[in-house]
Amino acid sequence: MTEMIEAEPALGARILRRLVAPGSGAAKAAAAIRETAQHGRPIIVTGCGTSEHGALAVAEILRDAMRAAGLPWRLGENSAPMSVQAFEAALDDGLAGEGSLVIAISHEGGTWATNLALERARDAGARVALITCSDRSPGAALADIVVGTEEQDQSWCHTVGYLSPILAAAAIADHLSGIGIDVGGVEGLLAAGLTQTAIEETERLAQSLSDVDRLIVVGSGADRPAARELVLKVEEGAHLAAAMRDLETLLHGHLAGMDRRTGFVLVLTDPSRADERSARAMGVLRAVAELGIRAGAILGGAYAADIPGDLTPAGRLVVPHAGGVPAATASLIGSAVPLQLLTERLARARGMNPDPIRRDDPAYLLAAERAG
């Protein structure tokens, strides 16, 4: 896991340069999105596990790009992209329907529920696309359009598997909006999470949270996929029970289940409606502080300036501003390395190996086999 995280700045630049090229799978996907939107038909993004969080992120990035391109983007509006979990999508025989577009995320193209969703969508008359590592997978054989990232994850605790569909979406958005994306800016965003200062702050936060009984992660806006992914990574890699809550939802009963043995991480980098998000986040942080809960954060630069340090005593990781990178894309790329490195350092502090997601334990291996 460590080696894959350290490789991500260069890997991210490679993926983007390939996919922003004319004629790439990303260019074909952008053309399909534009055509589908112009006909007012649904656009659905789907995936499982890490790829489900990738699907949530892709939908956010595409909505941002469609707004810039003058296409429907508001939630509930005609072709505004929406994310559906793959198993739930697969249970819908008429998924999306004639003339719609279903975009699946599957790192290796072999997730059965995702592939079944593609089959159901295709049978219903939808065009189907797949963002994946290789065009030689079972999922790719089902797709009309394949956006191949060509970078294979080496750990079951996926890092590249989360980042690569975000980068693919950034390339699709670049073709769709025509605004252009600064590849160097993206590489710099990823590298910022690996500076010596960032590593030291990550280790401090991980050490502070290493002995909690469970972890609550909160996010809002474009940070919701990252908050969900941090929860999954912590459970996979550090074997620590965790749950994601929306920023406002936490205050609607969930505080009653939290105490001094609970850790807390706020993920807040989305610059949209920053004043409102910041004010609510400070209210949440004051509430958890009152309960003696150790709180840390992954914050965008504007939020780091607004939110006092004493509200995140466990530590904070700051995502820098990136010019030349659209807002939703910058948030999701900027938080990727911090959440992954935090997981790796938390696993290290707890004496765990994050890579096999506990499949090296016969009991957990058998449990996975029993699940089918």
Protein backbone atom coordinates (compact mmCIF):
# COMPACT_ATOMS: atom_id res chain seq x y z
CA MET A 1 0.00 0.00 0.00
CA THR A 2 2.80 2.41 0.91
CA GLU A 3 4.56 2.04 -2.43
CA MET A 4 1.34 2.61 -4.36
CA ILE A 5 0.55 5.81 -2.43
CA GLU A 6 4.06 7.16 -3.00
CA ALA A 7 3.74 6.46 -6.73
CA GLU A 8 0.43 8.30 -7.13
CA PRO A 9 1.68 11.77 -8.21
CA ALA A 10 3.52 10.35 -11.24
CA LEU A 11 0.82 7.75 -11.85
CA GLY A 12 -1.88 10.42 -11.79
CA ALA A 13 -0.05 12.50 -14.37
CA ARG A 14 0.37 9.45 -16.62
CA ILE A 15 -3.32 8.57 -16.49
CA LEU A 16 -4.42 12.13 -17.19
CA ARG A 17 -2.02 12.66 -20.09
CA ARG A 18 -3.23 9.47 -21.77
CA LEU A 19 -6.91 10.22 -21.28
CA VAL A 20 -6.99 13.92 -22.22
CA ALA A 21 -5.62 12.96 -25.65
CA PRO A 22 -8.03 13.17 -28.61
CA GLY A 23 -9.62 9.83 -29.48
CA SER A 24 -9.12 8.35 -26.00
CA GLY A 25 -11.81 6.39 -24.16
CA ALA A 26 -12.42 9.52 -22.07
CA ALA A 27 -13.10 11.55 -25.23
CA LYS A 28 -15.59 8.91 -26.40
CA ALA A 29 -17.29 8.88 -23.00
CA ALA A 30 -17.59 12.68 -23.06
CA ALA A 31 -19.23 12.53 -26.50
CA ALA A 32 -21.70 9.93 -25.23
CA ILE A 33 -22.52 12.07 -22.19
CA ARG A 34 -23.14 15.12 -24.36
CA GLU A 35 -25.37 13.19 -26.76
CA THR A 36 -27.35 11.58 -23.92
CA ALA A 37 -27.82 14.94 -22.18
CA GLN A 38 -28.94 16.64 -25.39
CA HIS A 39 -31.69 14.02 -25.69
CA GLY A 40 -32.68 14.48 -22.04
CA ARG A 41 -32.05 10.85 -21.11
CA PRO A 42 -30.69 9.59 -17.74
CA ILE A 43 -26.99 9.27 -16.95
CA ILE A 44 -26.24 6.80 -14.15
CA VAL A 45 -22.86 5.98 -12.60
CA THR A 46 -22.48 2.72 -10.67
CA GLY A 47 -19.95 0.60 -8.77
CA CYS A 48 -19.29 -1.53 -5.65
CA GLY A 49 -17.02 -0.93 -2.66
CA THR A 50 -14.17 1.42 -3.49
CA SER A 51 -15.60 1.62 -7.01
CA GLU A 52 -18.95 2.76 -5.55
CA HIS A 53 -17.12 5.65 -3.91
CA GLY A 54 -15.42 6.22 -7.24
CA ALA A 55 -18.86 6.34 -8.85
CA LEU A 56 -20.04 8.95 -6.33
CA ALA A 57 -16.93 11.00 -7.10
CA VAL A 58 -17.37 10.62 -10.87
CA ALA A 59 -20.96 11.87 -10.62
CA GLU A 60 -19.77 14.96 -8.69
CA ILE A 61 -17.04 15.73 -11.24
CA LEU A 62 -19.34 15.21 -14.22
CA ARG A 63 -22.06 17.45 -12.77
CA ASP A 64 -19.43 20.17 -12.33
CA ALA A 65 -18.32 19.75 -15.96
CA MET A 66 -21.87 19.67 -17.31
CA ARG A 67 -22.61 22.96 -15.58
CA ALA A 68 -19.55 24.47 -17.29
CA ALA A 69 -20.67 22.98 -20.63
CA GLY A 70 -24.20 24.37 -20.34
CA LEU A 71 -25.74 20.89 -19.98
CA PRO A 72 -28.25 19.73 -17.32
CA TRP A 73 -26.40 19.39 -14.02
CA ARG A 74 -28.74 20.17 -11.10
CA LEU A 75 -29.81 17.25 -8.93
CA GLY A 76 -33.01 15.77 -10.36
CA GLU A 77 -32.70 17.64 -13.65
CA ASN A 78 -33.05 15.48 -16.78
CA SER A 79 -29.59 14.07 -17.45
CA ALA A 80 -27.77 15.28 -14.34
CA PRO A 81 -25.48 12.34 -13.42
CA MET A 82 -26.54 10.31 -10.40
CA SER A 83 -24.83 7.42 -8.63
CA VAL A 84 -26.52 4.09 -7.84
CA GLN A 85 -24.89 1.20 -5.95
CA ALA A 86 -24.22 -1.63 -8.40
CA PHE A 87 -26.15 -4.45 -6.72
CA GLU A 88 -29.21 -2.21 -6.37
CA ALA A 89 -28.82 -1.15 -10.01
CA ALA A 90 -28.57 -4.80 -11.06
CA LEU A 91 -31.93 -5.55 -9.42
CA ASP A 92 -33.66 -3.10 -11.78
CA ASP A 93 -34.58 -4.98 -14.97
CA GLY A 94 -35.21 -1.75 -16.86
CA LEU A 95 -32.17 0.08 -15.56
CA ALA A 96 -32.02 3.60 -17.03
CA GLY A 97 -33.96 2.63 -20.17
CA GLU A 98 -33.74 3.25 -23.90
CA GLY A 99 -31.28 5.95 -24.93
CA SER A 100 -29.77 6.39 -21.49
CA LEU A 101 -26.12 6.06 -20.49
CA VAL A 102 -24.82 3.86 -17.66
CA ILE A 103 -21.19 4.37 -16.64
CA ALA A 104 -19.75 1.61 -14.45
CA ILE A 105 -16.62 1.79 -12.31
CA SER A 106 -14.72 -1.47 -11.79
CA HIS A 107 -10.97 -1.47 -11.30
CA GLU A 108 -10.37 -4.97 -12.63
CA GLY A 109 -13.67 -5.32 -14.53
CA GLY A 110 -14.66 -8.50 -12.72
CA THR A 111 -17.16 -7.41 -10.06
CA TRP A 112 -20.21 -9.60 -10.65
CA ALA A 113 -22.84 -7.10 -9.44
CA THR A 114 -21.39 -4.30 -11.57
CA ASN A 115 -21.24 -6.50 -14.65
CA LEU A 116 -24.81 -7.67 -14.04
CA ALA A 117 -25.89 -4.00 -13.84
CA LEU A 118 -24.22 -3.42 -17.21
CA GLU A 119 -26.05 -6.43 -18.70
CA ARG A 120 -29.40 -5.21 -17.36
CA ALA A 121 -28.79 -1.71 -18.67
CA ARG A 122 -27.75 -2.96 -22.09
CA ASP A 123 -30.80 -5.24 -22.30
CA ALA A 124 -32.98 -2.20 -21.50
CA GLY A 125 -31.53 -0.30 -24.45
CA ALA A 126 -28.98 1.84 -22.62
CA ARG A 127 -25.51 2.60 -23.89
CA VAL A 128 -22.94 1.33 -21.38
CA ALA A 129 -19.46 2.56 -20.54
CA LEU A 130 -16.82 1.22 -18.16
CA ILE A 131 -13.98 2.99 -16.37
CA THR A 132 -11.46 0.24 -15.63
CA CYS A 133 -7.82 -0.72 -15.59
CA SER A 134 -7.82 -2.84 -18.75
CA ASP A 135 -9.93 -3.28 -21.88
CA ARG A 136 -9.42 -7.07 -21.64
CA SER A 137 -11.66 -7.71 -18.61
CA PRO A 138 -15.10 -9.37 -18.51
CA GLY A 139 -16.68 -5.99 -17.82
CA ALA A 140 -14.95 -4.42 -20.81
CA ALA A 141 -16.48 -7.09 -23.05
CA LEU A 142 -19.93 -5.83 -22.01
CA ALA A 143 -19.23 -2.14 -22.61
CA ASP A 144 -19.78 0.02 -25.67
CA ILE A 145 -17.12 2.44 -24.42
CA VAL A 146 -14.09 1.53 -22.29
CA VAL A 147 -12.10 4.20 -20.48
CA GLY A 148 -8.89 2.34 -19.68
CA THR A 149 -6.64 3.76 -16.96
CA GLU A 150 -3.90 1.15 -17.57
CA GLU A 151 -2.63 1.30 -13.98
CA GLN A 152 -3.09 -1.85 -11.87
CA ASP A 153 -3.47 -1.76 -8.08
CA GLN A 154 -1.12 -4.05 -6.15
CA SER A 155 -3.05 -4.16 -2.88
CA TRP A 156 -6.52 -5.41 -2.00
CA CYS A 157 -6.76 -2.27 0.13
CA HIS A 158 -7.18 -0.27 -3.07
CA THR A 159 -5.51 3.10 -3.44
CA VAL A 160 -5.08 3.36 -7.23
CA GLY A 161 -8.51 1.73 -7.56
CA TYR A 162 -10.02 4.80 -5.87
CA LEU A 163 -7.86 7.49 -7.48
CA SER A 164 -7.88 6.24 -11.08
CA PRO A 165 -11.64 6.66 -11.78
CA ILE A 166 -11.45 10.17 -10.32
CA LEU A 167 -8.65 10.96 -12.76
CA ALA A 168 -10.62 9.34 -15.58
CA ALA A 169 -13.60 11.53 -14.70
CA ALA A 170 -11.34 14.58 -14.68
CA ALA A 171 -10.25 13.71 -18.23
CA ILE A 172 -13.86 13.13 -19.35
CA ALA A 173 -14.77 16.48 -17.79
CA ASP A 174 -11.89 18.12 -19.67
CA HIS A 175 -13.25 16.82 -23.00
CA LEU A 176 -16.80 17.75 -22.03
CA SER A 177 -16.27 21.31 -20.82
CA GLY A 178 -13.32 22.29 -23.01
CA ILE A 179 -11.94 24.39 -20.14
CA GLY A 180 -8.70 22.42 -19.86
CA ILE A 181 -7.09 20.85 -16.81
CA ASP A 182 -3.59 21.54 -15.50
CA VAL A 183 -1.91 18.11 -15.33
CA GLY A 184 0.98 19.60 -13.38
CA GLY A 185 -1.49 21.06 -10.89
CA VAL A 186 -3.02 17.63 -10.35
CA GLU A 187 0.41 16.08 -9.86
CA GLY A 188 1.23 18.83 -7.36
CA LEU A 189 -2.00 18.20 -5.44
CA LEU A 190 -1.13 14.54 -5.07
CA ALA A 191 2.47 15.29 -4.12
CA ALA A 192 1.37 17.76 -1.43
CA GLY A 193 0.11 14.88 0.71
CA LEU A 194 3.56 13.29 0.67
CA THR A 195 5.76 16.17 1.88
CA GLN A 196 7.70 15.59 5.07
CA THR A 197 5.41 17.99 6.95
CA ALA A 198 2.30 16.21 5.66
CA ILE A 199 3.72 12.82 6.64
CA GLU A 200 4.57 14.02 10.14
CA GLU A 201 1.08 15.49 10.62
CA THR A 202 -0.48 12.28 9.30
CA GLU A 203 1.55 10.19 11.75
CA ARG A 204 0.49 12.46 14.60
CA LEU A 205 -3.19 12.11 13.70
CA ALA A 206 -2.88 8.34 13.23
CA GLN A 207 -1.17 7.91 16.59
CA SER A 208 -3.86 9.96 18.32
CA LEU A 209 -6.61 7.75 16.85
CA SER A 210 -4.84 4.39 17.07
CA ASP A 211 -6.46 3.20 20.31
CA VAL A 212 -10.07 4.33 19.79
CA ASP A 213 -12.87 1.74 19.69
CA ARG A 214 -14.33 3.11 16.47
CA LEU A 215 -14.01 6.02 14.11
CA ILE A 216 -16.67 8.41 12.82
CA VAL A 217 -15.88 10.26 9.59
CA VAL A 218 -17.95 13.25 8.47
CA GLY A 219 -18.09 14.92 5.07
CA SER A 220 -20.21 17.34 3.06
CA GLY A 221 -20.67 18.15 -0.63
CA ALA A 222 -17.95 16.79 -2.89
CA ASP A 223 -16.17 15.42 0.20
CA ARG A 224 -18.83 12.79 0.89
CA PRO A 225 -17.23 10.17 -1.40
CA ALA A 226 -13.84 10.74 0.26
CA ALA A 227 -15.37 10.38 3.73
CA ARG A 228 -16.98 7.09 2.69
CA GLU A 229 -13.70 5.87 1.21
CA LEU A 230 -11.79 6.72 4.39
CA VAL A 231 -14.26 4.62 6.37
CA LEU A 232 -13.80 1.67 4.01
CA LYS A 233 -10.02 2.00 4.05
CA VAL A 234 -9.88 2.18 7.85
CA GLU A 235 -12.00 -0.95 8.20
CA GLU A 236 -10.10 -2.83 5.46
CA GLY A 237 -6.62 -1.73 6.36
CA ALA A 238 -6.55 -0.86 10.06
CA HIS A 239 -9.33 -3.31 11.09
CA LEU A 240 -11.06 -0.57 13.05
CA ALA A 241 -14.85 -0.22 13.07
CA ALA A 242 -15.84 3.02 11.34
CA ALA A 243 -18.90 4.81 10.00
CA MET A 244 -19.53 7.78 7.71
CA ARG A 245 -22.01 10.51 8.62
CA ASP A 246 -23.13 13.53 6.64
CA LEU A 247 -22.23 16.81 8.29
CA GLU A 248 -25.75 17.67 9.42
CA THR A 249 -26.91 14.08 9.96
CA LEU A 250 -24.40 13.53 12.77
CA LEU A 251 -26.41 15.91 14.97
CA HIS A 252 -29.68 14.04 14.44
CA GLY A 253 -29.26 11.28 17.03
CA HIS A 254 -25.84 9.85 16.22
CA LEU A 255 -24.07 11.78 18.97
CA ALA A 256 -25.84 9.55 21.50
CA GLY A 257 -23.76 6.61 20.31
CA MET A 258 -20.41 8.43 20.66
CA ASP A 259 -18.15 8.81 23.69
CA ARG A 260 -14.51 9.24 24.71
CA ARG A 261 -13.61 5.93 23.06
CA THR A 262 -14.77 7.29 19.68
CA GLY A 263 -12.41 8.94 17.22
CA PHE A 264 -13.60 11.62 14.80
CA VAL A 265 -12.31 12.89 11.44
CA LEU A 266 -13.87 15.76 9.49
CA VAL A 267 -13.22 15.80 5.72
CA LEU A 268 -13.96 19.26 4.36
CA THR A 269 -12.27 20.60 1.23
CA ASP A 270 -15.21 21.45 -1.09
CA PRO A 271 -15.07 25.25 -1.57
CA SER A 272 -18.72 25.60 -2.59
CA ARG A 273 -20.94 27.29 0.05
CA ALA A 274 -17.84 27.37 2.23
CA ASP A 275 -19.23 29.84 4.79
CA GLU A 276 -22.24 27.66 5.54
CA ARG A 277 -20.26 24.42 5.60
CA SER A 278 -17.59 25.95 7.83
CA ALA A 279 -20.11 27.30 10.34
CA ARG A 280 -21.89 23.97 10.61
CA ALA A 281 -18.61 22.07 10.87
CA MET A 282 -17.50 24.23 13.79
CA GLY A 283 -20.79 23.48 15.53
CA VAL A 284 -20.20 19.75 15.06
CA LEU A 285 -16.61 20.03 16.29
CA ARG A 286 -17.72 21.94 19.39
CA ALA A 287 -20.28 19.20 20.10
CA VAL A 288 -17.77 16.35 19.87
CA ALA A 289 -15.25 18.32 21.95
CA GLU A 290 -17.85 18.64 24.71
CA LEU A 291 -18.02 14.83 24.81
CA GLY A 292 -14.24 14.47 25.09
CA ILE A 293 -13.95 12.92 21.62
CA ARG A 294 -10.58 13.14 19.87
CA ALA A 295 -11.15 15.07 16.64
CA GLY A 296 -8.94 15.51 13.60
CA ALA A 297 -9.55 16.76 10.08
CA ILE A 298 -8.60 16.77 6.41
CA LEU A 299 -9.24 20.37 5.40
CA GLY A 300 -9.01 22.59 2.35
CA GLY A 301 -6.94 25.69 2.83
CA ALA A 302 -9.91 28.03 3.32
CA TYR A 303 -11.39 25.79 6.01
CA ALA A 304 -8.03 25.42 7.74
CA ALA A 305 -7.92 29.20 8.08
CA ASP A 306 -11.49 29.43 9.40
CA ILE A 307 -11.63 26.49 11.81
CA PRO A 308 -9.58 27.03 14.99
CA GLY A 309 -6.84 24.53 15.70
CA ASP A 310 -8.19 23.79 19.17
CA LEU A 311 -11.27 22.19 17.55
CA THR A 312 -9.05 19.56 15.87
CA PRO A 313 -6.66 18.65 18.71
CA ALA A 314 -5.85 15.23 17.24
CA GLY A 315 -4.31 16.90 14.19
CA ARG A 316 -5.21 18.21 10.76
CA LEU A 317 -4.06 17.53 7.22
CA VAL A 318 -4.36 20.52 4.88
CA VAL A 319 -5.14 20.18 1.16
CA PRO A 320 -3.71 23.13 -0.79
CA HIS A 321 -5.57 25.20 -3.35
CA ALA A 322 -4.94 24.12 -6.96
CA GLY A 323 -5.34 26.63 -9.75
CA GLY A 324 -6.25 25.19 -13.13
CA VAL A 325 -8.17 22.26 -11.61
CA PRO A 326 -12.00 22.43 -11.35
CA ALA A 327 -13.30 22.66 -7.79
CA ALA A 328 -14.92 19.25 -7.34
CA THR A 329 -12.00 17.54 -9.06
CA ALA A 330 -9.47 19.38 -6.90
CA SER A 331 -11.29 18.40 -3.71
CA LEU A 332 -11.49 14.72 -4.59
CA ILE A 333 -7.92 14.47 -5.90
CA GLY A 334 -6.51 16.59 -3.09
CA SER A 335 -8.02 14.46 -0.33
CA ALA A 336 -7.09 11.09 -1.89
CA VAL A 337 -3.49 10.84 -0.65
CA PRO A 338 -4.25 12.21 2.85
CA LEU A 339 -7.03 9.70 3.47
CA GLN A 340 -4.94 6.83 2.11
CA LEU A 341 -1.78 7.76 3.99
CA LEU A 342 -3.81 8.22 7.19
CA THR A 343 -5.13 4.68 6.76
CA GLU A 344 -1.64 3.28 6.17
CA ARG A 345 -0.17 5.07 9.20
CA LEU A 346 -3.16 4.09 11.35
CA ALA A 347 -2.69 0.44 10.34
CA ARG A 348 1.01 0.75 11.15
CA ALA A 349 0.26 2.27 14.57
CA ARG A 350 -2.15 -0.59 15.31
CA GLY A 351 0.34 -3.24 14.16
CA MET A 352 -1.73 -4.27 11.12
CA ASN A 353 -0.80 -5.13 7.53
CA PRO A 354 -3.33 -3.21 5.40
CA ASP A 355 -2.68 -4.96 2.07
CA PRO A 356 -4.50 -8.33 2.41
CA ILE A 357 -7.67 -6.78 4.02
CA ARG A 358 -7.45 -9.59 6.59
CA ARG A 359 -7.66 -12.38 4.01
CA ASP A 360 -4.39 -13.69 5.50
CA ASP A 361 -6.47 -14.75 8.52
CA PRO A 362 -8.12 -18.15 7.81
CA ALA A 363 -11.34 -17.11 9.58
CA TYR A 364 -11.76 -14.00 7.41
CA LEU A 365 -10.77 -15.88 4.27
CA LEU A 366 -13.42 -18.51 5.03
CA ALA A 367 -15.98 -15.78 5.75
CA ALA A 368 -15.32 -14.26 2.32
CA GLU A 369 -15.66 -17.68 0.68
CA ARG A 370 -18.93 -18.34 2.53
CA ALA A 371 -20.29 -15.06 1.19
CA GLY A 372 -19.77 -16.40 -2.32
